[in-house]
Amino acid sequence: MSTRRTYGLSFIVLTLFLIGCFFLNVSLGSVHIPLKATFSSFFGGTISNPSWEYIVLNYRLPKALTAIISGAALSLSGLLMQTFFRNPLAGPFVLGISSGASLGAALLIMGSAFLGGFFSTGLMTDVSLAVAASLGSFMVLMAVVAVAHKVKDTMALLIIGLMFGSITGAIVSVLSYFTQAEKLQQFVYWSFGSVGNLSWNQVGLLFVIFLIGTVLCILCIKPLNTFLLGENYAQSLGIPLKKSRFLIILATGLLAGSVTALAGPIAFVGLAVPHLARQLFKTTDHKILLPAVLLCGAILMLLCDTVAQLPNSENVLPINAITSILGAPVVIWLLLKKRKMVF
């Protein structure tokens, strides 16, 4: 009973901290907007400057929601991969998801150099970029699963995923070499990662995919707990291995692929947040870890985006750089303090 109360109190504290980070993120930016005006924008109050309401509702609010969804999705997919491979260094992109998504985006953005004007005739839209990156990630995943099915070994699946990632990375390099400077700049900017400049339609699409991926994760809680002790143990308990593997890979592809498609390949979050959640809650039970990882990932991304947007400045730093600079020292400090990794 005391353990449940401790977990409940921890979730309440994290939820309140998430709300605080959300309002902090929305209230800061290149344009100074009084906190009262920010709240008035949310609740339909009177604002002296109409442009403030437009900035809050059409730029800062979608950006904050994207940060929450992206952080939660990447962290959740990282937890799935670490449990699936029983490897603390595994992340959401270990199976080539990031490289596959980059390949899909590269083909759409830079493919005109090889395929003529087909890719530049009205297909460059927000939805098409998301679809292209998602298809690229799923093509790599399906190829990895098809090849690894004959090997029937999770370590072989890991190695094959890395090899497919190398192949897709090489193809992207070839495309980059032959493409025009303008297209190359667009692709490089996408690869930096950013949770800003997303429309409400994009945020809605990302949220729907996130919900589907989260439901699949909830369905995999029991298999994930048994995978911690090995696939033989899971099979002895009647867990359908093929079905569970497929659901885990599908959930990872949906979560990480959609975020990569819309926000770019954001590093570190999916690798580090599951470890943070394990250290904070001192458990390996995925019934506790799933919501813990969701909250911790959303908080970390909000904090990183708050720093990346450089309040009261027009410059915005790449979110990739901030997640590593701020997050890595925290993880190192926490692991040194605990002296033992919970896994």
Protein backbone atom coordinates (compact mmCIF):
# COMPACT_ATOMS: atom_id res chain seq x y z
CA MET A 1 0.00 0.00 0.00
CA SER A 2 2.84 2.40 0.85
CA THR A 3 4.48 1.67 -2.49
CA ARG A 4 1.27 2.53 -4.35
CA ARG A 5 1.00 5.77 -2.40
CA THR A 6 4.60 6.61 -3.26
CA TYR A 7 4.00 5.97 -6.95
CA GLY A 8 0.78 7.98 -6.82
CA LEU A 9 2.50 10.93 -5.17
CA SER A 10 5.33 10.77 -7.71
CA PHE A 11 2.88 10.83 -10.61
CA ILE A 12 1.05 13.80 -9.09
CA VAL A 13 4.33 15.71 -8.67
CA LEU A 14 5.41 14.92 -12.25
CA THR A 15 2.01 15.95 -13.62
CA LEU A 16 2.13 19.29 -11.79
CA PHE A 17 5.70 19.83 -12.97
CA LEU A 18 4.62 19.05 -16.54
CA ILE A 19 1.85 21.65 -16.32
CA GLY A 20 4.33 24.19 -14.98
CA CYS A 21 6.81 23.45 -17.79
CA PHE A 22 3.99 23.76 -20.32
CA PHE A 23 3.00 27.26 -19.20
CA LEU A 24 6.66 28.26 -18.94
CA ASN A 25 7.25 27.12 -22.52
CA VAL A 26 4.20 28.94 -23.85
CA SER A 27 4.94 32.18 -21.99
CA LEU A 28 8.53 32.53 -23.27
CA GLY A 29 9.68 33.32 -26.79
CA SER A 30 11.22 35.89 -29.08
CA VAL A 31 8.33 38.26 -28.41
CA HIS A 32 7.69 39.27 -24.82
CA ILE A 33 4.07 38.58 -23.93
CA PRO A 34 2.81 39.25 -20.40
CA LEU A 35 1.74 36.15 -18.49
CA LYS A 36 -1.73 37.62 -18.00
CA ALA A 37 -2.14 37.98 -21.77
CA THR A 38 -1.04 34.37 -22.26
CA PHE A 39 -3.72 33.08 -19.89
CA SER A 40 -6.29 35.37 -21.49
CA SER A 41 -5.48 33.81 -24.87
CA PHE A 42 -6.25 30.36 -23.48
CA PHE A 43 -9.50 31.27 -21.77
CA GLY A 44 -10.92 33.80 -24.21
CA GLY A 45 -10.17 36.93 -22.22
CA THR A 46 -9.59 40.43 -23.54
CA ILE A 47 -6.07 41.14 -24.88
CA SER A 48 -4.79 44.63 -25.61
CA ASN A 49 -2.60 43.44 -28.49
CA PRO A 50 -4.35 41.05 -30.96
CA SER A 51 -1.02 39.83 -32.34
CA TRP A 52 -0.16 38.34 -28.95
CA GLU A 53 -3.19 36.05 -29.15
CA TYR A 54 -2.20 34.94 -32.65
CA ILE A 55 1.36 34.14 -31.55
CA VAL A 56 0.21 32.15 -28.52
CA LEU A 57 -2.55 30.16 -30.24
CA ASN A 58 -0.98 29.57 -33.64
CA TYR A 59 2.70 29.21 -32.84
CA ARG A 60 3.56 28.68 -29.18
CA LEU A 61 0.67 26.39 -28.25
CA PRO A 62 1.16 23.96 -31.20
CA LYS A 63 4.91 23.98 -30.50
CA ALA A 64 4.41 23.12 -26.84
CA LEU A 65 1.95 20.33 -27.65
CA THR A 66 4.35 18.95 -30.26
CA ALA A 67 7.14 18.92 -27.69
CA ILE A 68 4.93 17.00 -25.24
CA ILE A 69 3.85 14.42 -27.80
CA SER A 70 7.34 14.04 -29.31
CA GLY A 71 9.05 13.61 -25.95
CA ALA A 72 6.49 11.09 -24.77
CA ALA A 73 6.51 9.11 -28.04
CA LEU A 74 10.30 8.90 -28.34
CA SER A 75 10.68 7.95 -24.68
CA LEU A 76 8.04 5.26 -24.97
CA SER A 77 9.57 3.77 -28.11
CA GLY A 78 12.99 3.81 -26.43
CA LEU A 79 11.56 1.86 -23.49
CA LEU A 80 10.13 -0.73 -25.87
CA MET A 81 13.44 -1.25 -27.63
CA GLN A 82 15.47 -1.46 -24.41
CA THR A 83 13.15 -4.07 -23.00
CA PHE A 84 12.82 -5.97 -26.26
CA PHE A 85 16.60 -6.31 -26.69
CA ARG A 86 17.35 -6.26 -22.94
CA ASN A 87 20.02 -3.72 -23.82
CA PRO A 88 20.35 -0.40 -21.93
CA LEU A 89 21.99 1.20 -24.98
CA ALA A 90 19.09 0.48 -27.31
CA GLY A 91 16.99 3.41 -28.49
CA PRO A 92 13.98 4.09 -30.71
CA PHE A 93 16.18 4.30 -33.82
CA VAL A 94 18.24 1.16 -33.26
CA LEU A 95 16.37 -0.77 -35.95
CA GLY A 96 17.05 1.82 -38.61
CA ILE A 97 13.84 3.80 -38.09
CA SER A 98 15.63 7.14 -38.15
CA SER A 99 17.68 6.22 -41.22
CA GLY A 100 14.60 4.89 -42.99
CA ALA A 101 12.63 8.05 -42.21
CA SER A 102 15.56 10.15 -43.39
CA LEU A 103 15.64 8.15 -46.61
CA GLY A 104 11.92 8.75 -47.20
CA ALA A 105 12.29 12.47 -46.53
CA ALA A 106 15.43 12.63 -48.68
CA LEU A 107 13.67 10.95 -51.61
CA LEU A 108 10.83 13.43 -51.38
CA ILE A 109 12.99 16.52 -50.89
CA MET A 110 16.03 15.65 -52.99
CA GLY A 111 14.69 12.93 -55.31
CA SER A 112 14.04 15.36 -58.16
CA ALA A 113 17.74 15.14 -59.07
CA PHE A 114 17.16 11.51 -60.11
CA LEU A 115 13.45 11.34 -60.93
CA GLY A 116 13.00 14.59 -62.78
CA GLY A 117 10.25 16.95 -61.69
CA PHE A 118 7.90 14.30 -60.31
CA PHE A 119 8.78 15.10 -56.70
CA SER A 120 8.58 18.82 -57.12
CA THR A 121 5.10 19.10 -58.69
CA GLY A 122 2.91 19.89 -55.74
CA LEU A 123 3.80 16.81 -53.66
CA MET A 124 5.91 18.74 -51.16
CA THR A 125 3.27 19.21 -48.48
CA ASP A 126 3.26 18.63 -44.75
CA VAL A 127 1.27 15.41 -45.00
CA SER A 128 3.32 14.05 -47.91
CA LEU A 129 6.58 14.58 -46.01
CA ALA A 130 5.16 12.77 -43.00
CA VAL A 131 3.91 9.91 -45.18
CA ALA A 132 7.23 9.64 -47.02
CA ALA A 133 9.28 9.53 -43.83
CA SER A 134 6.88 7.05 -42.21
CA LEU A 135 6.95 4.78 -45.26
CA GLY A 136 10.74 4.92 -45.25
CA SER A 137 10.92 3.86 -41.62
CA PHE A 138 8.41 1.04 -42.08
CA MET A 139 10.15 -0.26 -45.19
CA VAL A 140 13.37 -0.62 -43.20
CA LEU A 141 11.53 -2.23 -40.29
CA MET A 142 9.76 -4.74 -42.50
CA ALA A 143 13.01 -5.58 -44.26
CA VAL A 144 14.72 -6.15 -40.91
CA VAL A 145 11.88 -8.35 -39.66
CA ALA A 146 11.79 -10.37 -42.88
CA VAL A 147 15.52 -11.10 -42.79
CA ALA A 148 15.73 -11.67 -39.04
CA HIS A 149 12.74 -14.05 -39.11
CA LYS A 150 15.01 -16.76 -40.47
CA VAL A 151 17.63 -16.14 -37.78
CA LYS A 152 15.15 -16.07 -34.85
CA ASP A 153 17.55 -14.17 -32.61
CA THR A 154 17.01 -10.69 -31.15
CA MET A 155 20.72 -9.89 -31.31
CA ALA A 156 20.72 -10.75 -35.00
CA LEU A 157 17.73 -8.42 -35.41
CA LEU A 158 19.72 -5.67 -33.72
CA ILE A 159 22.76 -6.16 -35.96
CA ILE A 160 20.65 -6.40 -39.12
CA GLY A 161 18.85 -3.20 -38.15
CA LEU A 162 22.17 -1.41 -37.81
CA MET A 163 23.25 -2.72 -41.23
CA PHE A 164 20.06 -1.54 -42.90
CA GLY A 165 20.57 1.80 -41.20
CA SER A 166 24.03 2.01 -42.77
CA ILE A 167 22.63 1.18 -46.22
CA THR A 168 19.90 3.82 -46.05
CA GLY A 169 22.40 6.33 -44.70
CA ALA A 170 24.64 5.65 -47.69
CA ILE A 171 21.75 6.22 -50.11
CA VAL A 172 20.96 9.53 -48.39
CA SER A 173 24.61 10.53 -48.77
CA VAL A 174 24.46 9.82 -52.52
CA LEU A 175 21.28 11.86 -52.87
CA SER A 176 22.88 14.71 -50.92
CA TYR A 177 25.92 14.67 -53.19
CA PHE A 178 23.91 15.16 -56.38
CA THR A 179 21.12 17.43 -55.15
CA GLN A 180 20.81 21.18 -55.47
CA ALA A 181 22.01 23.45 -52.68
CA GLU A 182 18.50 24.68 -51.89
CA LYS A 183 17.09 21.17 -51.56
CA LEU A 184 20.11 20.06 -49.54
CA GLN A 185 19.67 22.96 -47.15
CA GLN A 186 16.01 22.04 -46.68
CA PHE A 187 16.93 18.44 -45.86
CA VAL A 188 19.72 19.46 -43.48
CA TYR A 189 17.37 21.83 -41.67
CA TRP A 190 14.87 18.99 -41.29
CA SER A 191 17.59 16.72 -39.91
CA PHE A 192 18.41 19.24 -37.16
CA GLY A 193 15.06 18.53 -35.53
CA SER A 194 12.48 21.11 -34.53
CA VAL A 195 9.14 21.05 -32.76
CA GLY A 196 8.21 24.49 -34.06
CA ASN A 197 6.51 25.56 -37.29
CA LEU A 198 3.97 22.73 -37.18
CA SER A 199 0.40 23.50 -38.17
CA TRP A 200 -2.60 22.36 -36.19
CA ASN A 201 -3.26 19.70 -38.84
CA GLN A 202 0.23 18.28 -38.32
CA VAL A 203 -0.17 18.33 -34.56
CA GLY A 204 -3.50 16.54 -34.87
CA LEU A 205 -1.99 13.88 -37.14
CA LEU A 206 0.91 13.37 -34.74
CA PHE A 207 -1.49 13.06 -31.79
CA VAL A 208 -3.64 10.43 -33.53
CA ILE A 209 -0.60 8.29 -34.38
CA PHE A 210 0.68 8.76 -30.84
CA LEU A 211 -2.61 7.49 -29.41
CA ILE A 212 -2.52 4.39 -31.64
CA GLY A 213 1.08 3.67 -30.66
CA THR A 214 0.30 4.15 -26.97
CA VAL A 215 -2.63 1.72 -27.14
CA LEU A 216 -0.35 -0.88 -28.74
CA CYS A 217 2.16 -0.32 -25.92
CA ILE A 218 -0.53 -0.90 -23.31
CA LEU A 219 -1.44 -4.16 -25.03
CA CYS A 220 2.22 -5.21 -24.78
CA ILE A 221 2.68 -4.58 -21.03
CA LYS A 222 2.55 -8.26 -20.05
CA PRO A 223 4.88 -9.44 -22.86
CA LEU A 224 7.31 -6.63 -22.02
CA ASN A 225 7.48 -7.68 -18.37
CA THR A 226 8.16 -11.28 -19.35
CA PHE A 227 10.77 -10.32 -21.97
CA LEU A 228 12.91 -8.94 -19.14
CA LEU A 229 13.63 -12.55 -18.14
CA GLY A 230 14.18 -13.80 -21.69
CA GLU A 231 12.09 -15.07 -24.57
CA ASN A 232 12.19 -18.66 -23.31
CA TYR A 233 10.61 -17.57 -20.05
CA ALA A 234 7.99 -15.55 -21.93
CA GLN A 235 7.15 -18.53 -24.12
CA SER A 236 6.82 -20.79 -21.08
CA LEU A 237 4.12 -18.42 -19.77
CA GLY A 238 2.16 -18.71 -23.00
CA ILE A 239 3.18 -15.37 -24.49
CA PRO A 240 2.84 -15.47 -28.32
CA LEU A 241 6.33 -14.39 -29.32
CA LYS A 242 5.67 -13.59 -32.99
CA LYS A 243 2.59 -11.52 -32.23
CA SER A 244 4.31 -9.68 -29.38
CA ARG A 245 7.38 -8.93 -31.50
CA PHE A 246 5.21 -7.58 -34.29
CA LEU A 247 3.19 -5.35 -31.94
CA ILE A 248 6.32 -3.98 -30.27
CA ILE A 249 8.00 -3.22 -33.59
CA LEU A 250 4.77 -1.73 -34.99
CA ALA A 251 4.34 0.51 -31.94
CA THR A 252 7.98 1.62 -32.15
CA GLY A 253 7.63 2.36 -35.85
CA LEU A 254 4.47 4.41 -35.34
CA LEU A 255 5.81 6.42 -32.41
CA ALA A 256 9.37 7.08 -33.54
CA GLY A 257 8.55 7.22 -37.26
CA SER A 258 5.82 9.83 -36.91
CA VAL A 259 7.94 12.06 -34.67
CA THR A 260 10.91 11.77 -37.01
CA ALA A 261 8.72 12.59 -39.99
CA LEU A 262 7.24 15.76 -38.53
CA ALA A 263 9.89 16.97 -36.08
CA GLY A 264 13.04 15.44 -37.54
CA PRO A 265 15.38 12.85 -36.01
CA ILE A 266 15.56 14.00 -32.38
CA ALA A 267 18.34 12.19 -30.54
CA PHE A 268 19.03 11.24 -26.92
CA VAL A 269 15.48 11.49 -25.52
CA GLY A 270 14.46 7.92 -26.35
CA LEU A 271 17.72 6.54 -24.97
CA ALA A 272 17.95 8.50 -21.74
CA VAL A 273 14.40 8.97 -20.45
CA PRO A 274 13.68 5.25 -19.78
CA HIS A 275 16.77 5.16 -17.57
CA LEU A 276 15.65 8.29 -15.76
CA ALA A 277 12.22 6.77 -15.13
CA ARG A 278 13.74 3.52 -13.82
CA GLN A 279 16.02 5.41 -11.45
CA LEU A 280 13.25 7.69 -10.18
CA PHE A 281 10.66 4.96 -9.65
CA LYS A 282 13.07 2.10 -8.88
CA THR A 283 11.00 -0.49 -10.73
CA THR A 284 11.03 -2.53 -13.93
CA ASP A 285 7.25 -3.07 -13.98
CA HIS A 286 5.96 -1.61 -17.22
CA LYS A 287 2.60 -0.80 -15.64
CA ILE A 288 4.50 1.89 -13.75
CA LEU A 289 7.18 2.62 -16.32
CA LEU A 290 4.83 3.40 -19.22
CA PRO A 291 3.14 6.43 -17.61
CA ALA A 292 6.39 7.44 -15.91
CA VAL A 293 8.26 7.47 -19.21
CA LEU A 294 5.47 9.44 -20.88
CA LEU A 295 5.59 12.17 -18.23
CA CYS A 296 9.39 12.34 -18.00
CA GLY A 297 9.80 12.46 -21.77
CA ALA A 298 7.25 15.24 -22.16
CA ILE A 299 8.89 17.28 -19.37
CA LEU A 300 12.38 16.88 -20.81
CA MET A 301 11.30 17.94 -24.30
CA LEU A 302 9.45 20.99 -22.97
CA LEU A 303 12.50 22.09 -20.99
CA CYS A 304 14.83 21.53 -23.94
CA ASP A 305 12.53 23.43 -26.30
CA THR A 306 12.28 26.31 -23.81
CA VAL A 307 16.08 26.63 -23.85
CA ALA A 308 16.33 26.05 -27.63
CA GLN A 309 14.01 28.91 -28.49
CA LEU A 310 16.30 31.39 -26.65
CA PRO A 311 13.69 33.59 -24.89
CA ASN A 312 13.72 37.25 -25.98
CA SER A 313 15.87 36.34 -28.98
CA GLU A 314 14.97 35.71 -32.63
CA ASN A 315 17.41 32.78 -32.88
CA VAL A 316 16.30 29.18 -32.36
CA LEU A 317 18.84 26.45 -31.68
CA PRO A 318 18.50 22.90 -33.08
CA ILE A 319 16.55 20.81 -30.58
CA ASN A 320 18.96 17.92 -31.15
CA ALA A 321 21.84 19.85 -29.64
CA ILE A 322 19.89 20.98 -26.59
CA THR A 323 18.54 17.52 -25.72
CA SER A 324 22.07 16.14 -25.55
CA ILE A 325 23.71 19.12 -23.84
CA LEU A 326 21.09 19.34 -21.08
CA GLY A 327 20.08 15.72 -20.78
CA ALA A 328 23.38 13.85 -20.82
CA PRO A 329 24.87 15.48 -17.68
CA VAL A 330 21.64 14.80 -15.78
CA VAL A 331 21.73 11.11 -16.66
CA ILE A 332 25.43 10.82 -15.80
CA TRP A 333 24.89 12.53 -12.46
CA LEU A 334 21.89 10.37 -11.62
CA LEU A 335 23.70 7.12 -12.48
CA LEU A 336 26.76 8.13 -10.46
CA LYS A 337 24.56 9.03 -7.50
CA LYS A 338 22.66 5.75 -7.60
CA ARG A 339 25.85 3.77 -8.41
CA LYS A 340 23.68 1.00 -9.81
CA MET A 341 21.53 0.88 -12.91
CA VAL A 342 18.02 -0.44 -12.47
CA PHE A 343 17.18 -2.59 -15.49
